[in-house]
Amino acid sequence: MGLQAHLVPKEKFEVYKECFMLYDKQRKGFIQTANLTDCMRSLGASPTTEEMRSYKKMYEKDGKIKFNDFVTMMGDQGKKPNPEKEIIDAFRQSDVEKRGFILTNEFKRIMTTFGEELTEREKRPDRYHGELCNDNDAIDTVGYLDVVMATWL
C-alpha cells in the first residue's frame, strides 16, 4: 500500500477499493486508463481534461492505472476547492442569528470588503431584488447559492 493510501480514512479507502474493483474485472490491481474518468466520476470527483492528461502522464503504464495511483488521484480531487461549501460557510458566518438570510446591506459590505473587485452595478443591493431578495430586503442563502452555482456550471 502506498503512502497516499495510508493518509485516506479507512471508510473512504474501502469505497475507493470497491469502486475500483468494479472496473478491475480480472482482479489484477489495475484498471484500463479508458475507464479512469468514469471510475473517478462515479465517486463524485470531477477531474478536468487537463487533470486527466496529467494523471495519465504521471501514472499510466501500458494503458493501465494501478490502485495505489488511483487512490493518489482521488486524494488530489479531494483537495480541490468546493465553491458551494465555501458560499454556504460564508453565509453561515454572516448569518449570526441563523435566519437563513442576510440583509442586502450586509451582503454589499461583505462583497465589497472580501474577494474580487465588483462593478458598481454588482455592489448595488437593489440589483438583487426579485432575483434573490425577499420582501424583507434580505438575500436568501439557498436562492443565492442556486443562482451562483447555475452561473458557474
N, C-alpha and C. Protein backbone atom coordinates (compact mmCIF):
# COMPACT_ATOMS: atom_id res chain seq x y z
N MET A 1 0.84 -1.17 0.00
CA MET A 1 0.00 0.00 0.00
C MET A 1 0.89 1.24 0.00
N GLY A 2 0.57 2.22 -0.86
CA GLY A 2 1.38 3.42 -0.97
C GLY A 2 1.12 4.40 0.16
N LEU A 3 1.94 5.42 0.25
CA LEU A 3 1.83 6.44 1.29
C LEU A 3 0.47 7.12 1.26
N GLN A 4 -0.01 7.49 0.07
CA GLN A 4 -1.30 8.17 -0.05
C GLN A 4 -2.42 7.32 0.53
N ALA A 5 -2.37 6.01 0.31
CA ALA A 5 -3.41 5.12 0.83
C ALA A 5 -3.45 5.15 2.35
N HIS A 6 -2.32 5.34 3.00
CA HIS A 6 -2.29 5.42 4.46
C HIS A 6 -2.90 6.71 4.97
N LEU A 7 -2.95 7.74 4.13
CA LEU A 7 -3.48 9.04 4.53
C LEU A 7 -4.99 9.13 4.34
N VAL A 8 -5.59 8.18 3.63
CA VAL A 8 -7.02 8.18 3.36
C VAL A 8 -7.74 7.47 4.50
N PRO A 9 -8.82 8.07 5.03
CA PRO A 9 -9.58 7.37 6.07
C PRO A 9 -10.04 5.99 5.57
N LYS A 10 -10.06 5.04 6.49
CA LYS A 10 -10.35 3.65 6.12
C LYS A 10 -11.67 3.52 5.36
N GLU A 11 -12.72 4.21 5.80
CA GLU A 11 -14.02 4.10 5.13
C GLU A 11 -13.93 4.56 3.68
N LYS A 12 -13.23 5.68 3.47
CA LYS A 12 -13.09 6.21 2.12
C LYS A 12 -12.23 5.28 1.28
N PHE A 13 -11.18 4.75 1.87
CA PHE A 13 -10.30 3.81 1.17
C PHE A 13 -11.10 2.60 0.69
N GLU A 14 -11.98 2.08 1.55
CA GLU A 14 -12.80 0.92 1.20
C GLU A 14 -13.75 1.25 0.05
N VAL A 15 -14.31 2.44 0.05
CA VAL A 15 -15.20 2.86 -1.03
C VAL A 15 -14.41 2.95 -2.34
N TYR A 16 -13.22 3.55 -2.28
CA TYR A 16 -12.37 3.63 -3.48
C TYR A 16 -12.07 2.23 -4.01
N LYS A 17 -11.72 1.34 -3.09
CA LYS A 17 -11.35 -0.03 -3.48
C LYS A 17 -12.53 -0.75 -4.13
N GLU A 18 -13.70 -0.61 -3.52
CA GLU A 18 -14.88 -1.27 -4.06
C GLU A 18 -15.21 -0.77 -5.47
N CYS A 19 -15.14 0.53 -5.65
CA CYS A 19 -15.41 1.11 -6.97
C CYS A 19 -14.36 0.67 -7.98
N PHE A 20 -13.11 0.73 -7.58
CA PHE A 20 -12.01 0.33 -8.45
C PHE A 20 -12.19 -1.11 -8.91
N MET A 21 -12.61 -1.97 -7.99
CA MET A 21 -12.78 -3.39 -8.31
C MET A 21 -13.89 -3.62 -9.34
N LEU A 22 -14.85 -2.72 -9.39
CA LEU A 22 -15.90 -2.84 -10.42
C LEU A 22 -15.32 -2.70 -11.82
N TYR A 23 -14.25 -1.94 -11.93
CA TYR A 23 -13.59 -1.74 -13.22
C TYR A 23 -12.42 -2.70 -13.43
N ASP A 24 -11.92 -3.29 -12.36
CA ASP A 24 -10.82 -4.25 -12.41
C ASP A 24 -11.42 -5.66 -12.47
N LYS A 25 -12.03 -5.98 -13.58
CA LYS A 25 -12.78 -7.23 -13.72
C LYS A 25 -11.92 -8.47 -13.56
N GLN A 26 -10.64 -8.38 -13.91
CA GLN A 26 -9.75 -9.54 -13.80
C GLN A 26 -9.03 -9.59 -12.44
N ARG A 27 -9.30 -8.63 -11.58
CA ARG A 27 -8.72 -8.57 -10.23
C ARG A 27 -7.19 -8.63 -10.25
N LYS A 28 -6.60 -7.79 -11.10
CA LYS A 28 -5.15 -7.76 -11.21
C LYS A 28 -4.54 -6.51 -10.58
N GLY A 29 -5.38 -5.66 -9.98
CA GLY A 29 -4.86 -4.48 -9.30
C GLY A 29 -4.71 -3.26 -10.19
N PHE A 30 -5.32 -3.29 -11.36
CA PHE A 30 -5.28 -2.12 -12.23
C PHE A 30 -6.56 -2.05 -13.06
N ILE A 31 -6.82 -0.85 -13.58
CA ILE A 31 -7.93 -0.66 -14.50
C ILE A 31 -7.40 -0.07 -15.79
N GLN A 32 -8.16 -0.21 -16.83
CA GLN A 32 -7.80 0.39 -18.10
C GLN A 32 -7.92 1.91 -17.99
N THR A 33 -6.98 2.61 -18.55
CA THR A 33 -7.00 4.07 -18.49
C THR A 33 -8.29 4.62 -19.08
N ALA A 34 -8.84 3.94 -20.07
CA ALA A 34 -10.09 4.38 -20.70
C ALA A 34 -11.24 4.44 -19.69
N ASN A 35 -11.16 3.69 -18.60
CA ASN A 35 -12.22 3.66 -17.58
C ASN A 35 -11.96 4.61 -16.42
N LEU A 36 -10.81 5.24 -16.41
CA LEU A 36 -10.41 6.06 -15.26
C LEU A 36 -11.39 7.19 -14.96
N THR A 37 -11.75 7.96 -15.97
CA THR A 37 -12.65 9.09 -15.74
C THR A 37 -13.99 8.62 -15.19
N ASP A 38 -14.55 7.58 -15.77
CA ASP A 38 -15.84 7.05 -15.29
C ASP A 38 -15.73 6.59 -13.84
N CYS A 39 -14.65 5.91 -13.53
CA CYS A 39 -14.44 5.40 -12.18
C CYS A 39 -14.37 6.57 -11.19
N MET A 40 -13.62 7.60 -11.52
CA MET A 40 -13.48 8.76 -10.64
C MET A 40 -14.80 9.49 -10.48
N ARG A 41 -15.51 9.68 -11.58
CA ARG A 41 -16.79 10.41 -11.52
C ARG A 41 -17.84 9.64 -10.73
N SER A 42 -17.78 8.31 -10.79
CA SER A 42 -18.75 7.53 -10.03
C SER A 42 -18.56 7.72 -8.52
N LEU A 43 -17.40 8.23 -8.13
CA LEU A 43 -17.11 8.52 -6.72
C LEU A 43 -17.32 10.00 -6.38
N GLY A 44 -17.86 10.76 -7.34
CA GLY A 44 -18.15 12.16 -7.08
C GLY A 44 -17.05 13.13 -7.47
N ALA A 45 -15.95 12.63 -8.01
CA ALA A 45 -14.85 13.51 -8.44
C ALA A 45 -15.21 14.14 -9.78
N SER A 46 -14.65 15.29 -10.05
CA SER A 46 -14.88 15.99 -11.31
C SER A 46 -13.55 16.40 -11.93
N PRO A 47 -12.76 15.43 -12.36
CA PRO A 47 -11.45 15.79 -12.92
C PRO A 47 -11.61 16.54 -14.25
N THR A 48 -10.81 17.56 -14.41
CA THR A 48 -10.82 18.31 -15.67
C THR A 48 -10.04 17.53 -16.72
N THR A 49 -10.19 17.94 -17.95
CA THR A 49 -9.45 17.32 -19.05
C THR A 49 -7.95 17.44 -18.82
N GLU A 50 -7.54 18.61 -18.36
CA GLU A 50 -6.11 18.84 -18.08
C GLU A 50 -5.61 17.94 -16.95
N GLU A 51 -6.41 17.80 -15.91
CA GLU A 51 -6.02 16.90 -14.82
C GLU A 51 -5.90 15.46 -15.31
N MET A 52 -6.82 15.04 -16.16
CA MET A 52 -6.77 13.67 -16.68
C MET A 52 -5.50 13.47 -17.51
N ARG A 53 -5.14 14.45 -18.32
CA ARG A 53 -3.89 14.35 -19.10
C ARG A 53 -2.70 14.20 -18.17
N SER A 54 -2.70 15.02 -17.12
CA SER A 54 -1.60 14.99 -16.17
C SER A 54 -1.54 13.64 -15.45
N TYR A 55 -2.68 13.14 -15.00
CA TYR A 55 -2.71 11.84 -14.32
C TYR A 55 -2.19 10.74 -15.24
N LYS A 56 -2.64 10.76 -16.47
CA LYS A 56 -2.21 9.72 -17.41
C LYS A 56 -0.70 9.80 -17.64
N LYS A 57 -0.21 11.01 -17.77
CA LYS A 57 1.22 11.19 -17.99
C LYS A 57 2.04 10.69 -16.80
N MET A 58 1.55 10.94 -15.59
CA MET A 58 2.27 10.55 -14.38
C MET A 58 2.12 9.06 -14.05
N TYR A 59 0.93 8.51 -14.24
CA TYR A 59 0.64 7.20 -13.68
C TYR A 59 0.36 6.08 -14.67
N GLU A 60 0.03 6.40 -15.89
CA GLU A 60 -0.34 5.36 -16.84
C GLU A 60 0.87 4.53 -17.28
N LYS A 61 0.68 3.23 -17.25
CA LYS A 61 1.71 2.30 -17.76
C LYS A 61 0.99 1.25 -18.59
N ASP A 62 1.32 1.19 -19.86
CA ASP A 62 0.72 0.22 -20.78
C ASP A 62 -0.80 0.32 -20.82
N GLY A 63 -1.33 1.54 -20.75
CA GLY A 63 -2.77 1.74 -20.83
C GLY A 63 -3.52 1.39 -19.56
N LYS A 64 -2.79 1.28 -18.45
CA LYS A 64 -3.39 0.83 -17.19
C LYS A 64 -3.03 1.78 -16.04
N ILE A 65 -3.90 1.79 -15.04
CA ILE A 65 -3.68 2.58 -13.83
C ILE A 65 -3.74 1.64 -12.63
N LYS A 66 -2.73 1.69 -11.77
CA LYS A 66 -2.71 0.86 -10.55
C LYS A 66 -3.59 1.47 -9.47
N PHE A 67 -4.04 0.62 -8.57
CA PHE A 67 -4.93 1.07 -7.50
C PHE A 67 -4.30 2.15 -6.62
N ASN A 68 -3.06 1.97 -6.21
CA ASN A 68 -2.40 2.97 -5.35
C ASN A 68 -2.33 4.33 -6.03
N ASP A 69 -2.09 4.32 -7.34
CA ASP A 69 -2.06 5.59 -8.07
C ASP A 69 -3.46 6.19 -8.14
N PHE A 70 -4.46 5.34 -8.28
CA PHE A 70 -5.85 5.79 -8.29
C PHE A 70 -6.19 6.48 -6.96
N VAL A 71 -5.76 5.90 -5.86
CA VAL A 71 -6.00 6.50 -4.55
C VAL A 71 -5.34 7.87 -4.46
N THR A 72 -4.15 7.99 -5.00
CA THR A 72 -3.45 9.27 -5.02
C THR A 72 -4.25 10.31 -5.81
N MET A 73 -4.76 9.89 -6.98
CA MET A 73 -5.55 10.80 -7.81
C MET A 73 -6.81 11.24 -7.08
N MET A 74 -7.48 10.31 -6.43
CA MET A 74 -8.69 10.66 -5.70
C MET A 74 -8.37 11.59 -4.53
N GLY A 75 -7.22 11.40 -3.91
CA GLY A 75 -6.78 12.31 -2.85
C GLY A 75 -6.59 13.72 -3.39
N ASP A 76 -6.02 13.82 -4.59
CA ASP A 76 -5.86 15.13 -5.23
C ASP A 76 -7.21 15.78 -5.48
N GLN A 77 -8.18 14.98 -5.91
CA GLN A 77 -9.51 15.51 -6.19
C GLN A 77 -10.17 16.04 -4.91
N GLY A 78 -9.89 15.40 -3.80
CA GLY A 78 -10.46 15.82 -2.53
C GLY A 78 -9.91 17.15 -2.04
N LYS A 79 -8.77 17.56 -2.57
CA LYS A 79 -8.14 18.82 -2.17
C LYS A 79 -8.64 20.01 -2.97
N LYS A 80 -9.44 19.73 -4.00
CA LYS A 80 -9.94 20.81 -4.85
C LYS A 80 -10.93 21.67 -4.08
N PRO A 81 -10.95 22.96 -4.38
CA PRO A 81 -11.90 23.83 -3.69
C PRO A 81 -13.34 23.42 -4.01
N ASN A 82 -14.22 23.63 -3.04
CA ASN A 82 -15.63 23.33 -3.20
C ASN A 82 -16.39 24.65 -3.07
N PRO A 83 -16.69 25.30 -4.21
CA PRO A 83 -17.31 26.63 -4.14
C PRO A 83 -18.66 26.62 -3.43
N GLU A 84 -19.43 25.58 -3.59
CA GLU A 84 -20.73 25.51 -2.94
C GLU A 84 -20.56 25.54 -1.42
N LYS A 85 -19.63 24.75 -0.91
CA LYS A 85 -19.38 24.72 0.54
C LYS A 85 -18.84 26.07 1.01
N GLU A 86 -17.96 26.68 0.23
CA GLU A 86 -17.40 27.97 0.61
C GLU A 86 -18.49 29.04 0.71
N ILE A 87 -19.43 29.03 -0.22
CA ILE A 87 -20.52 30.01 -0.20
C ILE A 87 -21.40 29.79 1.01
N ILE A 88 -21.76 28.54 1.26
CA ILE A 88 -22.61 28.23 2.42
C ILE A 88 -21.91 28.64 3.71
N ASP A 89 -20.61 28.34 3.82
CA ASP A 89 -19.85 28.71 5.02
C ASP A 89 -19.82 30.23 5.20
N ALA A 90 -19.63 30.96 4.10
CA ALA A 90 -19.59 32.42 4.18
C ALA A 90 -20.93 32.97 4.65
N PHE A 91 -22.02 32.44 4.13
CA PHE A 91 -23.34 32.89 4.57
C PHE A 91 -23.57 32.54 6.04
N ARG A 92 -23.18 31.35 6.45
CA ARG A 92 -23.38 30.95 7.86
C ARG A 92 -22.63 31.89 8.80
N GLN A 93 -21.43 32.28 8.42
CA GLN A 93 -20.66 33.18 9.26
C GLN A 93 -21.31 34.56 9.33
N SER A 94 -21.95 34.96 8.25
CA SER A 94 -22.59 36.27 8.20
C SER A 94 -23.98 36.26 8.84
N ASP A 95 -24.62 35.11 8.84
CA ASP A 95 -25.97 34.97 9.38
C ASP A 95 -25.89 34.52 10.84
N VAL A 96 -25.43 35.44 11.70
CA VAL A 96 -25.19 35.09 13.10
C VAL A 96 -26.47 34.71 13.84
N GLU A 97 -27.62 35.21 13.40
CA GLU A 97 -28.89 34.90 14.06
C GLU A 97 -29.54 33.63 13.49
N LYS A 98 -28.87 32.98 12.53
CA LYS A 98 -29.34 31.72 11.95
C LYS A 98 -30.74 31.84 11.35
N ARG A 99 -30.96 32.91 10.58
CA ARG A 99 -32.27 33.15 9.97
C ARG A 99 -32.37 32.54 8.57
N GLY A 100 -31.23 32.17 7.97
CA GLY A 100 -31.26 31.64 6.62
C GLY A 100 -31.13 32.71 5.55
N PHE A 101 -30.86 33.94 5.96
CA PHE A 101 -30.67 35.03 5.02
C PHE A 101 -29.78 36.09 5.66
N ILE A 102 -29.24 36.98 4.81
CA ILE A 102 -28.54 38.16 5.31
C ILE A 102 -29.13 39.37 4.63
N LEU A 103 -29.11 40.50 5.31
CA LEU A 103 -29.64 41.73 4.74
C LEU A 103 -28.77 42.18 3.58
N THR A 104 -29.40 42.84 2.62
CA THR A 104 -28.66 43.24 1.42
C THR A 104 -27.52 44.19 1.75
N ASN A 105 -27.69 45.05 2.75
CA ASN A 105 -26.60 45.96 3.12
C ASN A 105 -25.40 45.19 3.66
N GLU A 106 -25.66 44.13 4.43
CA GLU A 106 -24.59 43.28 4.93
C GLU A 106 -23.92 42.55 3.76
N PHE A 107 -24.72 42.08 2.83
CA PHE A 107 -24.20 41.41 1.64
C PHE A 107 -23.27 42.36 0.87
N LYS A 108 -23.72 43.59 0.69
CA LYS A 108 -22.90 44.58 -0.02
C LYS A 108 -21.58 44.81 0.71
N ARG A 109 -21.64 44.93 2.03
CA ARG A 109 -20.41 45.13 2.81
C ARG A 109 -19.45 43.97 2.62
N ILE A 110 -19.96 42.77 2.69
CA ILE A 110 -19.12 41.57 2.52
C ILE A 110 -18.52 41.53 1.13
N MET A 111 -19.35 41.77 0.13
CA MET A 111 -18.89 41.66 -1.25
C MET A 111 -17.90 42.75 -1.62
N THR A 112 -17.97 43.89 -0.97
CA THR A 112 -17.02 44.97 -1.28
C THR A 112 -15.76 44.90 -0.42
N THR A 113 -15.80 44.13 0.65
CA THR A 113 -14.66 44.01 1.55
C THR A 113 -13.77 42.83 1.20
N PHE A 114 -14.38 41.74 0.80
CA PHE A 114 -13.65 40.50 0.54
C PHE A 114 -13.75 40.11 -0.93
N GLY A 115 -12.82 39.30 -1.37
CA GLY A 115 -12.91 38.73 -2.72
C GLY A 115 -12.49 39.70 -3.80
N GLU A 116 -12.99 39.41 -4.99
CA GLU A 116 -12.63 40.19 -6.17
C GLU A 116 -13.37 41.52 -6.20
N GLU A 117 -12.81 42.47 -6.93
CA GLU A 117 -13.43 43.78 -7.09
C GLU A 117 -14.72 43.64 -7.90
N LEU A 118 -15.79 44.26 -7.40
CA LEU A 118 -17.08 44.21 -8.07
C LEU A 118 -17.33 45.49 -8.84
N THR A 119 -18.17 45.38 -9.86
CA THR A 119 -18.57 46.58 -10.59
C THR A 119 -19.56 47.35 -9.71
N GLU A 120 -19.81 48.61 -10.05
CA GLU A 120 -20.76 49.41 -9.28
C GLU A 120 -22.14 48.77 -9.32
N ARG A 121 -22.52 48.22 -10.46
CA ARG A 121 -23.83 47.56 -10.58
C ARG A 121 -23.91 46.35 -9.65
N GLU A 122 -22.85 45.58 -9.56
CA GLU A 122 -22.85 44.39 -8.69
C GLU A 122 -22.92 44.76 -7.21
N LYS A 123 -22.44 45.96 -6.87
CA LYS A 123 -22.45 46.39 -5.47
C LYS A 123 -23.83 46.88 -5.01
N ARG A 124 -24.70 47.23 -5.95
CA ARG A 124 -26.00 47.80 -5.59
C ARG A 124 -26.93 46.71 -5.04
N PRO A 125 -27.38 46.86 -3.79
CA PRO A 125 -28.30 45.86 -3.23
C PRO A 125 -29.59 45.73 -4.01
N ASP A 126 -30.07 46.82 -4.61
CA ASP A 126 -31.34 46.75 -5.34
C ASP A 126 -31.23 45.86 -6.58
N ARG A 127 -30.01 45.58 -7.01
CA ARG A 127 -29.79 44.69 -8.17
C ARG A 127 -30.35 43.31 -7.88
N TYR A 128 -30.40 42.93 -6.63
CA TYR A 128 -30.79 41.58 -6.27
C TYR A 128 -32.29 41.41 -6.00
N HIS A 129 -33.04 42.53 -6.00
CA HIS A 129 -34.49 42.42 -5.77
C HIS A 129 -35.12 41.61 -6.89
N GLY A 130 -36.04 40.75 -6.50
CA GLY A 130 -36.72 39.92 -7.48
C GLY A 130 -35.93 38.70 -7.87
N GLU A 131 -34.63 38.84 -7.89
CA GLU A 131 -33.77 37.71 -8.26
C GLU A 131 -33.40 36.89 -7.03
N LEU A 132 -32.98 37.57 -5.98
CA LEU A 132 -32.52 36.87 -4.78
C LEU A 132 -33.14 37.39 -3.50
N CYS A 133 -33.62 38.61 -3.50
CA CYS A 133 -34.11 39.22 -2.25
C CYS A 133 -35.54 38.83 -1.95
N ASN A 134 -35.82 38.72 -0.66
CA ASN A 134 -37.21 38.53 -0.25
C ASN A 134 -37.80 39.90 0.07
N ASP A 135 -39.02 39.93 0.56
CA ASP A 135 -39.69 41.21 0.84
C ASP A 135 -39.05 41.98 1.99
N ASN A 136 -38.21 41.34 2.77
CA ASN A 136 -37.56 41.99 3.92
C ASN A 136 -36.21 42.58 3.55
N ASP A 137 -35.94 42.76 2.25
CA ASP A 137 -34.67 43.29 1.78
C ASP A 137 -33.51 42.42 2.25
N ALA A 138 -33.72 41.10 2.18
CA ALA A 138 -32.71 40.14 2.60
C ALA A 138 -32.44 39.15 1.48
N ILE A 139 -31.22 38.65 1.44
CA ILE A 139 -30.81 37.68 0.42
C ILE A 139 -30.85 36.29 1.04
N ASP A 140 -31.65 35.44 0.44
CA ASP A 140 -31.83 34.07 0.90
C ASP A 140 -30.59 33.24 0.55
N THR A 141 -30.07 32.52 1.51
CA THR A 141 -28.86 31.71 1.32
C THR A 141 -29.02 30.70 0.19
N VAL A 142 -30.09 29.94 0.23
CA VAL A 142 -30.30 28.90 -0.78
C VAL A 142 -30.51 29.51 -2.17
N GLY A 143 -31.30 30.59 -2.24
CA GLY A 143 -31.52 31.25 -3.52
C GLY A 143 -30.24 31.79 -4.12
N TYR A 144 -29.43 32.39 -3.29
CA TYR A 144 -28.14 32.92 -3.76
C TYR A 144 -27.25 31.79 -4.27
N LEU A 145 -27.18 30.72 -3.50
CA LEU A 145 -26.37 29.57 -3.89
C LEU A 145 -26.84 29.00 -5.23
N ASP A 146 -28.15 28.88 -5.41
CA ASP A 146 -28.69 28.35 -6.66
C ASP A 146 -28.29 29.22 -7.86
N VAL A 147 -28.38 30.54 -7.70
CA VAL A 147 -28.02 31.45 -8.79
C VAL A 147 -26.53 31.37 -9.10
N VAL A 148 -25.71 31.39 -8.05
CA VAL A 148 -24.26 31.35 -8.26
C VAL A 148 -23.84 30.04 -8.90
N MET A 149 -24.34 28.93 -8.40
CA MET A 149 -23.94 27.62 -8.94
C MET A 149 -24.42 27.46 -10.38
N ALA A 150 -25.61 27.98 -10.70
CA ALA A 150 -26.10 27.91 -12.08
C ALA A 150 -25.22 28.74 -13.01
N THR A 151 -24.69 29.83 -12.50
CA THR A 151 -23.80 30.69 -13.29
C THR A 151 -22.47 29.99 -13.54
N TRP A 152 -21.96 29.26 -12.55
CA TRP A 152 -20.65 28.61 -12.67
C TRP A 152 -20.70 27.35 -13.49
N LEU A 153 -21.85 26.68 -13.51
CA LEU A 153 -21.92 25.38 -14.21
C LEU A 153 -22.24 25.54 -15.66
